[in-house]
N, C-alpha and C. Protein backbone atom coordinates (compact mmCIF):
# COMPACT_ATOMS: atom_id res chain seq x y z
N MET A 1 32.54 96.78 -121.46
CA MET A 1 33.03 95.42 -121.49
C MET A 1 33.85 95.17 -122.76
N LEU A 2 33.28 95.48 -123.91
CA LEU A 2 33.96 95.26 -125.18
C LEU A 2 35.18 96.17 -125.32
N LEU A 3 35.04 97.41 -124.89
CA LEU A 3 36.17 98.36 -124.95
C LEU A 3 37.32 97.88 -124.07
N GLN A 4 36.99 97.32 -122.91
CA GLN A 4 38.03 96.80 -122.02
C GLN A 4 38.72 95.60 -122.65
N GLN A 5 37.96 94.75 -123.32
CA GLN A 5 38.55 93.59 -124.00
C GLN A 5 39.52 94.04 -125.08
N ILE A 6 39.15 95.09 -125.81
CA ILE A 6 40.02 95.62 -126.87
C ILE A 6 41.33 96.11 -126.27
N THR A 7 41.24 96.85 -125.17
CA THR A 7 42.44 97.35 -124.49
C THR A 7 43.30 96.19 -124.00
N ASP A 8 42.66 95.18 -123.41
CA ASP A 8 43.40 94.01 -122.91
C ASP A 8 44.08 93.26 -124.06
N ASP A 9 43.37 93.15 -125.19
CA ASP A 9 43.95 92.47 -126.35
C ASP A 9 45.14 93.25 -126.90
N MET A 10 45.07 94.58 -126.85
CA MET A 10 46.17 95.40 -127.31
C MET A 10 47.40 95.20 -126.41
N LYS A 11 47.17 95.18 -125.12
CA LYS A 11 48.28 94.95 -124.17
C LYS A 11 48.91 93.59 -124.40
N GLN A 12 48.07 92.58 -124.64
CA GLN A 12 48.58 91.23 -124.87
C GLN A 12 49.38 91.16 -126.17
N ALA A 13 48.90 91.86 -127.20
CA ALA A 13 49.63 91.88 -128.47
C ALA A 13 50.99 92.55 -128.29
N MET A 14 51.05 93.58 -127.44
CA MET A 14 52.34 94.23 -127.15
C MET A 14 53.29 93.25 -126.48
N LYS A 15 52.78 92.51 -125.49
CA LYS A 15 53.61 91.55 -124.77
C LYS A 15 54.09 90.42 -125.68
N ASP A 16 53.20 90.00 -126.59
CA ASP A 16 53.53 88.89 -127.49
C ASP A 16 54.40 89.32 -128.66
N GLY A 17 54.51 90.61 -128.91
CA GLY A 17 55.27 91.11 -130.05
C GLY A 17 54.56 90.87 -131.37
N ALA A 18 53.24 90.78 -131.32
CA ALA A 18 52.43 90.55 -132.53
C ALA A 18 52.18 91.89 -133.20
N LYS A 19 53.10 92.27 -134.10
CA LYS A 19 53.05 93.61 -134.69
C LYS A 19 51.82 93.84 -135.55
N LEU A 20 51.45 92.85 -136.37
CA LEU A 20 50.28 93.01 -137.24
C LEU A 20 49.01 93.18 -136.41
N LYS A 21 48.85 92.33 -135.40
CA LYS A 21 47.67 92.41 -134.53
C LYS A 21 47.67 93.73 -133.77
N LEU A 22 48.80 94.13 -133.27
CA LEU A 22 48.90 95.38 -132.52
C LEU A 22 48.54 96.57 -133.41
N GLY A 23 49.05 96.58 -134.63
CA GLY A 23 48.72 97.66 -135.55
C GLY A 23 47.24 97.70 -135.88
N ALA A 24 46.65 96.53 -136.08
CA ALA A 24 45.22 96.46 -136.40
C ALA A 24 44.38 96.96 -135.22
N ILE A 25 44.73 96.55 -134.03
CA ILE A 25 43.97 96.98 -132.85
C ILE A 25 44.14 98.47 -132.61
N ARG A 26 45.32 98.99 -132.85
CA ARG A 26 45.52 100.44 -132.70
C ARG A 26 44.68 101.21 -133.71
N MET A 27 44.60 100.71 -134.95
CA MET A 27 43.74 101.35 -135.95
C MET A 27 42.28 101.30 -135.51
N PHE A 28 41.90 100.17 -134.96
CA PHE A 28 40.53 99.98 -134.48
C PHE A 28 40.23 100.97 -133.35
N ARG A 29 41.16 101.09 -132.41
CA ARG A 29 40.94 102.04 -131.30
C ARG A 29 40.86 103.48 -131.81
N ALA A 30 41.65 103.82 -132.82
CA ALA A 30 41.60 105.17 -133.40
C ALA A 30 40.24 105.39 -134.06
N ALA A 31 39.74 104.38 -134.77
CA ALA A 31 38.42 104.49 -135.40
C ALA A 31 37.33 104.62 -134.34
N LEU A 32 37.48 103.91 -133.24
CA LEU A 32 36.51 104.02 -132.15
C LEU A 32 36.53 105.42 -131.54
N LYS A 33 37.72 105.95 -131.36
CA LYS A 33 37.85 107.32 -130.80
C LYS A 33 37.23 108.34 -131.75
N ASP A 34 37.47 108.19 -133.05
CA ASP A 34 36.86 109.08 -134.04
C ASP A 34 35.34 109.02 -133.96
N LYS A 35 34.80 107.81 -133.84
CA LYS A 35 33.34 107.64 -133.75
C LYS A 35 32.80 108.27 -132.47
N GLU A 36 33.53 108.12 -131.39
CA GLU A 36 33.12 108.71 -130.11
C GLU A 36 33.07 110.23 -130.21
N ILE A 37 34.07 110.81 -130.86
CA ILE A 37 34.10 112.27 -131.06
C ILE A 37 32.95 112.70 -131.96
N GLU A 38 32.72 111.92 -133.02
CA GLU A 38 31.64 112.23 -133.96
C GLU A 38 30.28 112.22 -133.26
N LEU A 39 30.05 111.21 -132.41
CA LEU A 39 28.76 111.08 -131.73
C LEU A 39 28.64 112.03 -130.53
N GLY A 40 29.76 112.37 -129.93
CA GLY A 40 29.74 113.28 -128.80
C GLY A 40 29.40 112.63 -127.47
N HIS A 41 29.46 111.31 -127.42
CA HIS A 41 29.22 110.59 -126.17
C HIS A 41 29.96 109.25 -126.20
N ALA A 42 30.01 108.60 -125.04
CA ALA A 42 30.69 107.31 -124.96
C ALA A 42 30.00 106.30 -125.87
N LEU A 43 30.77 105.39 -126.40
CA LEU A 43 30.25 104.41 -127.34
C LEU A 43 29.52 103.27 -126.62
N SER A 44 28.41 102.85 -127.22
CA SER A 44 27.69 101.68 -126.72
C SER A 44 28.29 100.44 -127.39
N GLU A 45 27.87 99.27 -126.91
CA GLU A 45 28.32 98.01 -127.52
C GLU A 45 27.96 97.98 -129.01
N GLU A 46 26.76 98.47 -129.34
CA GLU A 46 26.30 98.48 -130.73
C GLU A 46 27.19 99.37 -131.59
N ASP A 47 27.63 100.51 -131.03
CA ASP A 47 28.52 101.41 -131.76
C ASP A 47 29.85 100.73 -132.05
N VAL A 48 30.38 100.02 -131.05
CA VAL A 48 31.66 99.32 -131.22
C VAL A 48 31.51 98.24 -132.29
N ILE A 49 30.40 97.51 -132.27
CA ILE A 49 30.16 96.46 -133.26
C ILE A 49 30.04 97.07 -134.65
N ALA A 50 29.36 98.22 -134.75
CA ALA A 50 29.21 98.88 -136.05
C ALA A 50 30.57 99.31 -136.61
N VAL A 51 31.44 99.82 -135.75
CA VAL A 51 32.78 100.22 -136.19
C VAL A 51 33.58 98.99 -136.61
N ALA A 52 33.46 97.90 -135.86
CA ALA A 52 34.16 96.66 -136.22
C ALA A 52 33.67 96.16 -137.58
N ALA A 53 32.35 96.22 -137.81
CA ALA A 53 31.80 95.79 -139.09
C ALA A 53 32.33 96.66 -140.23
N LYS A 54 32.44 97.95 -139.98
CA LYS A 54 32.96 98.86 -140.99
C LYS A 54 34.43 98.53 -141.30
N MET A 55 35.20 98.24 -140.27
CA MET A 55 36.61 97.89 -140.47
C MET A 55 36.73 96.60 -141.28
N VAL A 56 35.89 95.62 -140.98
CA VAL A 56 35.91 94.35 -141.72
C VAL A 56 35.57 94.60 -143.19
N LYS A 57 34.55 95.41 -143.43
CA LYS A 57 34.15 95.71 -144.81
C LYS A 57 35.28 96.41 -145.56
N GLN A 58 35.93 97.36 -144.91
CA GLN A 58 37.05 98.06 -145.55
C GLN A 58 38.16 97.08 -145.90
N ARG A 59 38.47 96.16 -144.98
CA ARG A 59 39.54 95.20 -145.22
C ARG A 59 39.17 94.25 -146.37
N LYS A 60 37.90 93.81 -146.42
CA LYS A 60 37.48 92.92 -147.50
C LYS A 60 37.60 93.63 -148.85
N ASP A 61 37.16 94.88 -148.90
CA ASP A 61 37.26 95.65 -150.15
C ASP A 61 38.71 95.82 -150.57
N ALA A 62 39.57 96.16 -149.60
CA ALA A 62 40.98 96.35 -149.91
C ALA A 62 41.61 95.03 -150.38
N ALA A 63 41.27 93.93 -149.72
CA ALA A 63 41.82 92.63 -150.10
C ALA A 63 41.41 92.27 -151.53
N ASN A 64 40.15 92.55 -151.87
CA ASN A 64 39.69 92.28 -153.24
C ASN A 64 40.46 93.11 -154.26
N GLN A 65 40.67 94.38 -153.95
CA GLN A 65 41.41 95.25 -154.86
C GLN A 65 42.86 94.79 -155.00
N TYR A 66 43.49 94.42 -153.88
CA TYR A 66 44.87 93.95 -153.94
C TYR A 66 44.95 92.65 -154.75
N ALA A 67 43.99 91.75 -154.56
CA ALA A 67 44.00 90.48 -155.28
C ALA A 67 43.84 90.72 -156.78
N GLU A 68 42.96 91.64 -157.16
CA GLU A 68 42.76 91.97 -158.57
C GLU A 68 44.02 92.56 -159.19
N ALA A 69 44.80 93.28 -158.38
CA ALA A 69 46.02 93.90 -158.86
C ALA A 69 47.21 92.95 -158.80
N GLY A 70 46.96 91.71 -158.33
CA GLY A 70 48.04 90.73 -158.26
C GLY A 70 48.94 90.88 -157.05
N ARG A 71 48.50 91.62 -156.06
CA ARG A 71 49.29 91.82 -154.83
C ARG A 71 48.77 90.91 -153.73
N ASP A 72 49.02 89.62 -153.88
CA ASP A 72 48.50 88.64 -152.94
C ASP A 72 49.09 88.81 -151.54
N ASP A 73 50.31 89.35 -151.46
CA ASP A 73 50.93 89.57 -150.15
C ASP A 73 50.12 90.58 -149.34
N LEU A 74 49.72 91.67 -149.99
CA LEU A 74 48.93 92.68 -149.30
C LEU A 74 47.50 92.20 -149.06
N ALA A 75 46.96 91.43 -149.99
CA ALA A 75 45.61 90.89 -149.81
C ALA A 75 45.57 89.96 -148.61
N SER A 76 46.57 89.12 -148.45
CA SER A 76 46.59 88.19 -147.31
C SER A 76 46.73 88.95 -145.99
N LYS A 77 47.49 90.05 -146.00
CA LYS A 77 47.62 90.88 -144.79
C LYS A 77 46.26 91.46 -144.40
N GLU A 78 45.52 91.97 -145.38
CA GLU A 78 44.19 92.53 -145.11
C GLU A 78 43.24 91.45 -144.57
N LEU A 79 43.29 90.27 -145.17
CA LEU A 79 42.43 89.18 -144.73
C LEU A 79 42.78 88.72 -143.32
N GLU A 80 44.06 88.75 -142.98
CA GLU A 80 44.47 88.39 -141.63
C GLU A 80 43.95 89.41 -140.62
N GLU A 81 43.97 90.70 -140.99
CA GLU A 81 43.47 91.74 -140.10
C GLU A 81 41.98 91.58 -139.84
N ILE A 82 41.24 91.07 -140.82
CA ILE A 82 39.81 90.86 -140.64
C ILE A 82 39.55 89.98 -139.42
N GLY A 83 40.37 88.97 -139.25
CA GLY A 83 40.23 88.07 -138.10
C GLY A 83 40.35 88.78 -136.77
N PHE A 84 41.18 89.81 -136.72
CA PHE A 84 41.35 90.56 -135.47
C PHE A 84 40.09 91.35 -135.13
N PHE A 85 39.39 91.84 -136.15
CA PHE A 85 38.19 92.65 -135.92
C PHE A 85 36.95 91.78 -135.67
N GLU A 86 36.89 90.63 -136.33
CA GLU A 86 35.72 89.77 -136.19
C GLU A 86 35.55 89.22 -134.78
N VAL A 87 36.63 89.22 -134.01
CA VAL A 87 36.57 88.75 -132.63
C VAL A 87 35.58 89.59 -131.82
N TYR A 88 35.45 90.86 -132.16
CA TYR A 88 34.61 91.79 -131.40
C TYR A 88 33.18 91.88 -131.93
N MET A 89 32.87 91.09 -132.94
CA MET A 89 31.53 91.13 -133.54
C MET A 89 30.73 89.91 -133.09
N PRO A 90 29.40 90.06 -133.06
CA PRO A 90 28.58 88.88 -132.72
C PRO A 90 28.70 87.83 -133.82
N GLU A 91 28.28 86.61 -133.50
CA GLU A 91 28.34 85.54 -134.49
C GLU A 91 27.49 85.92 -135.70
N GLN A 92 28.03 85.67 -136.87
CA GLN A 92 27.37 86.05 -138.12
C GLN A 92 26.32 85.02 -138.51
N PHE A 93 25.23 85.50 -139.12
CA PHE A 93 24.19 84.62 -139.63
C PHE A 93 24.70 83.92 -140.89
N SER A 94 24.23 82.69 -141.10
CA SER A 94 24.56 81.98 -142.34
C SER A 94 23.69 82.53 -143.46
N GLU A 95 24.05 82.20 -144.69
CA GLU A 95 23.28 82.68 -145.84
C GLU A 95 21.85 82.14 -145.81
N GLU A 96 21.68 80.89 -145.34
CA GLU A 96 20.33 80.31 -145.25
C GLU A 96 19.48 81.08 -144.25
N GLU A 97 20.07 81.41 -143.09
CA GLU A 97 19.34 82.16 -142.07
C GLU A 97 18.94 83.54 -142.59
N VAL A 98 19.88 84.19 -143.28
CA VAL A 98 19.59 85.52 -143.85
C VAL A 98 18.49 85.41 -144.89
N SER A 99 18.53 84.38 -145.71
CA SER A 99 17.52 84.19 -146.74
C SER A 99 16.13 84.02 -146.12
N GLN A 100 16.05 83.29 -145.01
CA GLN A 100 14.78 83.10 -144.32
C GLN A 100 14.26 84.43 -143.76
N ILE A 101 15.14 85.22 -143.17
CA ILE A 101 14.76 86.52 -142.63
C ILE A 101 14.29 87.44 -143.75
N VAL A 102 14.99 87.41 -144.87
CA VAL A 102 14.61 88.23 -146.03
C VAL A 102 13.23 87.82 -146.53
N SER A 103 12.99 86.51 -146.68
CA SER A 103 11.69 86.02 -147.15
C SER A 103 10.58 86.48 -146.22
N GLN A 104 10.82 86.37 -144.92
CA GLN A 104 9.82 86.78 -143.93
C GLN A 104 9.56 88.28 -144.03
N ALA A 105 10.60 89.07 -144.18
CA ALA A 105 10.45 90.53 -144.28
C ALA A 105 9.70 90.92 -145.55
N VAL A 106 9.98 90.23 -146.64
CA VAL A 106 9.28 90.53 -147.90
C VAL A 106 7.79 90.25 -147.73
N SER A 107 7.45 89.11 -147.12
CA SER A 107 6.03 88.79 -146.95
C SER A 107 5.37 89.71 -145.91
N ASP A 108 6.08 90.05 -144.83
CA ASP A 108 5.52 90.93 -143.79
C ASP A 108 5.25 92.34 -144.33
N SER A 109 6.13 92.81 -145.20
CA SER A 109 5.99 94.17 -145.71
C SER A 109 5.00 94.28 -146.86
N GLY A 110 4.65 93.14 -147.45
CA GLY A 110 3.76 93.15 -148.60
C GLY A 110 4.44 93.72 -149.84
N ALA A 111 5.77 93.62 -149.89
CA ALA A 111 6.54 94.16 -151.01
C ALA A 111 6.18 93.44 -152.30
N GLU A 112 6.05 94.21 -153.37
CA GLU A 112 5.66 93.64 -154.65
C GLU A 112 6.71 93.84 -155.74
N GLY A 113 7.70 94.66 -155.50
CA GLY A 113 8.70 94.90 -156.52
C GLY A 113 9.87 95.69 -155.97
N MET A 114 10.75 96.07 -156.88
CA MET A 114 11.98 96.78 -156.48
C MET A 114 11.68 98.11 -155.79
N ARG A 115 10.57 98.73 -156.09
CA ARG A 115 10.27 100.02 -155.47
C ARG A 115 10.03 99.88 -153.96
N ASP A 116 9.78 98.66 -153.50
CA ASP A 116 9.54 98.40 -152.08
C ASP A 116 10.80 97.94 -151.35
N MET A 117 11.95 98.00 -152.02
CA MET A 117 13.18 97.51 -151.41
C MET A 117 13.52 98.27 -150.12
N GLY A 118 13.32 99.58 -150.12
CA GLY A 118 13.62 100.37 -148.92
C GLY A 118 12.78 99.94 -147.74
N LYS A 119 11.52 99.61 -148.00
CA LYS A 119 10.62 99.15 -146.94
C LYS A 119 11.12 97.83 -146.34
N VAL A 120 11.52 96.92 -147.23
CA VAL A 120 12.02 95.62 -146.79
C VAL A 120 13.33 95.78 -146.02
N MET A 121 14.24 96.58 -146.54
CA MET A 121 15.53 96.80 -145.87
C MET A 121 15.33 97.46 -144.50
N GLY A 122 14.32 98.32 -144.38
CA GLY A 122 14.01 98.95 -143.10
C GLY A 122 13.61 97.94 -142.04
N ILE A 123 12.95 96.87 -142.47
CA ILE A 123 12.56 95.80 -141.55
C ILE A 123 13.77 94.94 -141.19
N ILE A 124 14.60 94.68 -142.18
CA ILE A 124 15.73 93.74 -142.01
C ILE A 124 16.90 94.36 -141.26
N ARG A 125 17.21 95.61 -141.55
CA ARG A 125 18.43 96.23 -141.01
C ARG A 125 18.58 96.08 -139.49
N PRO A 126 17.56 96.37 -138.68
CA PRO A 126 17.75 96.23 -137.23
C PRO A 126 18.06 94.79 -136.80
N LYS A 127 17.54 93.82 -137.53
CA LYS A 127 17.77 92.42 -137.17
C LYS A 127 19.15 91.92 -137.55
N LEU A 128 19.69 92.46 -138.66
CA LEU A 128 20.92 91.90 -139.21
C LEU A 128 22.14 92.80 -139.12
N GLN A 129 21.97 94.07 -138.78
CA GLN A 129 23.11 95.00 -138.74
C GLN A 129 24.18 94.48 -137.81
N GLY A 130 25.38 94.32 -138.33
CA GLY A 130 26.51 93.84 -137.54
C GLY A 130 26.55 92.33 -137.43
N LYS A 131 25.49 91.64 -137.85
CA LYS A 131 25.44 90.19 -137.75
C LYS A 131 25.47 89.51 -139.10
N SER A 132 25.54 90.33 -140.16
CA SER A 132 25.58 89.79 -141.51
C SER A 132 26.15 90.85 -142.45
N ASP A 133 26.70 90.39 -143.55
CA ASP A 133 27.21 91.30 -144.58
C ASP A 133 26.00 91.93 -145.26
N MET A 134 25.83 93.24 -145.08
CA MET A 134 24.64 93.91 -145.61
C MET A 134 24.63 93.94 -147.15
N GLY A 135 25.79 93.79 -147.78
CA GLY A 135 25.85 93.68 -149.23
C GLY A 135 25.17 92.40 -149.71
N MET A 136 25.44 91.31 -148.98
CA MET A 136 24.81 90.04 -149.30
C MET A 136 23.30 90.13 -149.04
N VAL A 137 22.92 90.78 -147.95
CA VAL A 137 21.51 90.95 -147.61
C VAL A 137 20.80 91.72 -148.72
N SER A 138 21.41 92.81 -149.16
CA SER A 138 20.83 93.62 -150.23
C SER A 138 20.65 92.81 -151.51
N ALA A 139 21.64 92.00 -151.84
CA ALA A 139 21.56 91.16 -153.04
C ALA A 139 20.43 90.16 -152.93
N LEU A 140 20.26 89.57 -151.74
CA LEU A 140 19.18 88.59 -151.54
C LEU A 140 17.81 89.27 -151.64
N VAL A 141 17.70 90.49 -151.09
CA VAL A 141 16.43 91.22 -151.18
C VAL A 141 16.11 91.50 -152.65
N LYS A 142 17.10 91.98 -153.40
CA LYS A 142 16.88 92.27 -154.83
C LYS A 142 16.44 91.01 -155.56
N GLN A 143 17.11 89.90 -155.27
CA GLN A 143 16.81 88.64 -155.93
C GLN A 143 15.35 88.23 -155.65
N GLN A 144 14.92 88.37 -154.40
CA GLN A 144 13.55 87.95 -154.07
C GLN A 144 12.51 88.91 -154.63
N LEU A 145 12.84 90.19 -154.69
CA LEU A 145 11.87 91.16 -155.21
C LEU A 145 11.75 91.09 -156.73
N GLN A 146 12.82 90.68 -157.40
CA GLN A 146 12.79 90.56 -158.85
C GLN A 146 12.23 89.21 -159.29
N GLY A 147 12.40 88.19 -158.44
CA GLY A 147 11.99 86.85 -158.82
C GLY A 147 10.60 86.58 -158.45
């Protein structure tokens, strides 16, 4: 279903002459093909979402680096591409929702300090993977374990 939507969106971008969107979708399809070859089987919806999340993270990192270097033109291009990939991802959790999930996981795991971070992340990752920025999740876990 999701793979068909990506193909349909690519065809529509070709018809509309949307070069930036078309280029982004082609990169996305190439990344999906690479992942399919790496796994050795057809991609599931979760695999497609994971690749989309990876593409978004790469674009955010690149946009930050371009902005730091004073290349706002390239940073805005990267940020615009993020919108093309986020279409294929589930709705993201808000920071408050993530904080509640983190608090629950910390109490469920009986974590007492930073050495238990892996245990807490093991509980959280299946719930939030692809639905939240895992960097933000990690920061919230550290904050709760240290505080």
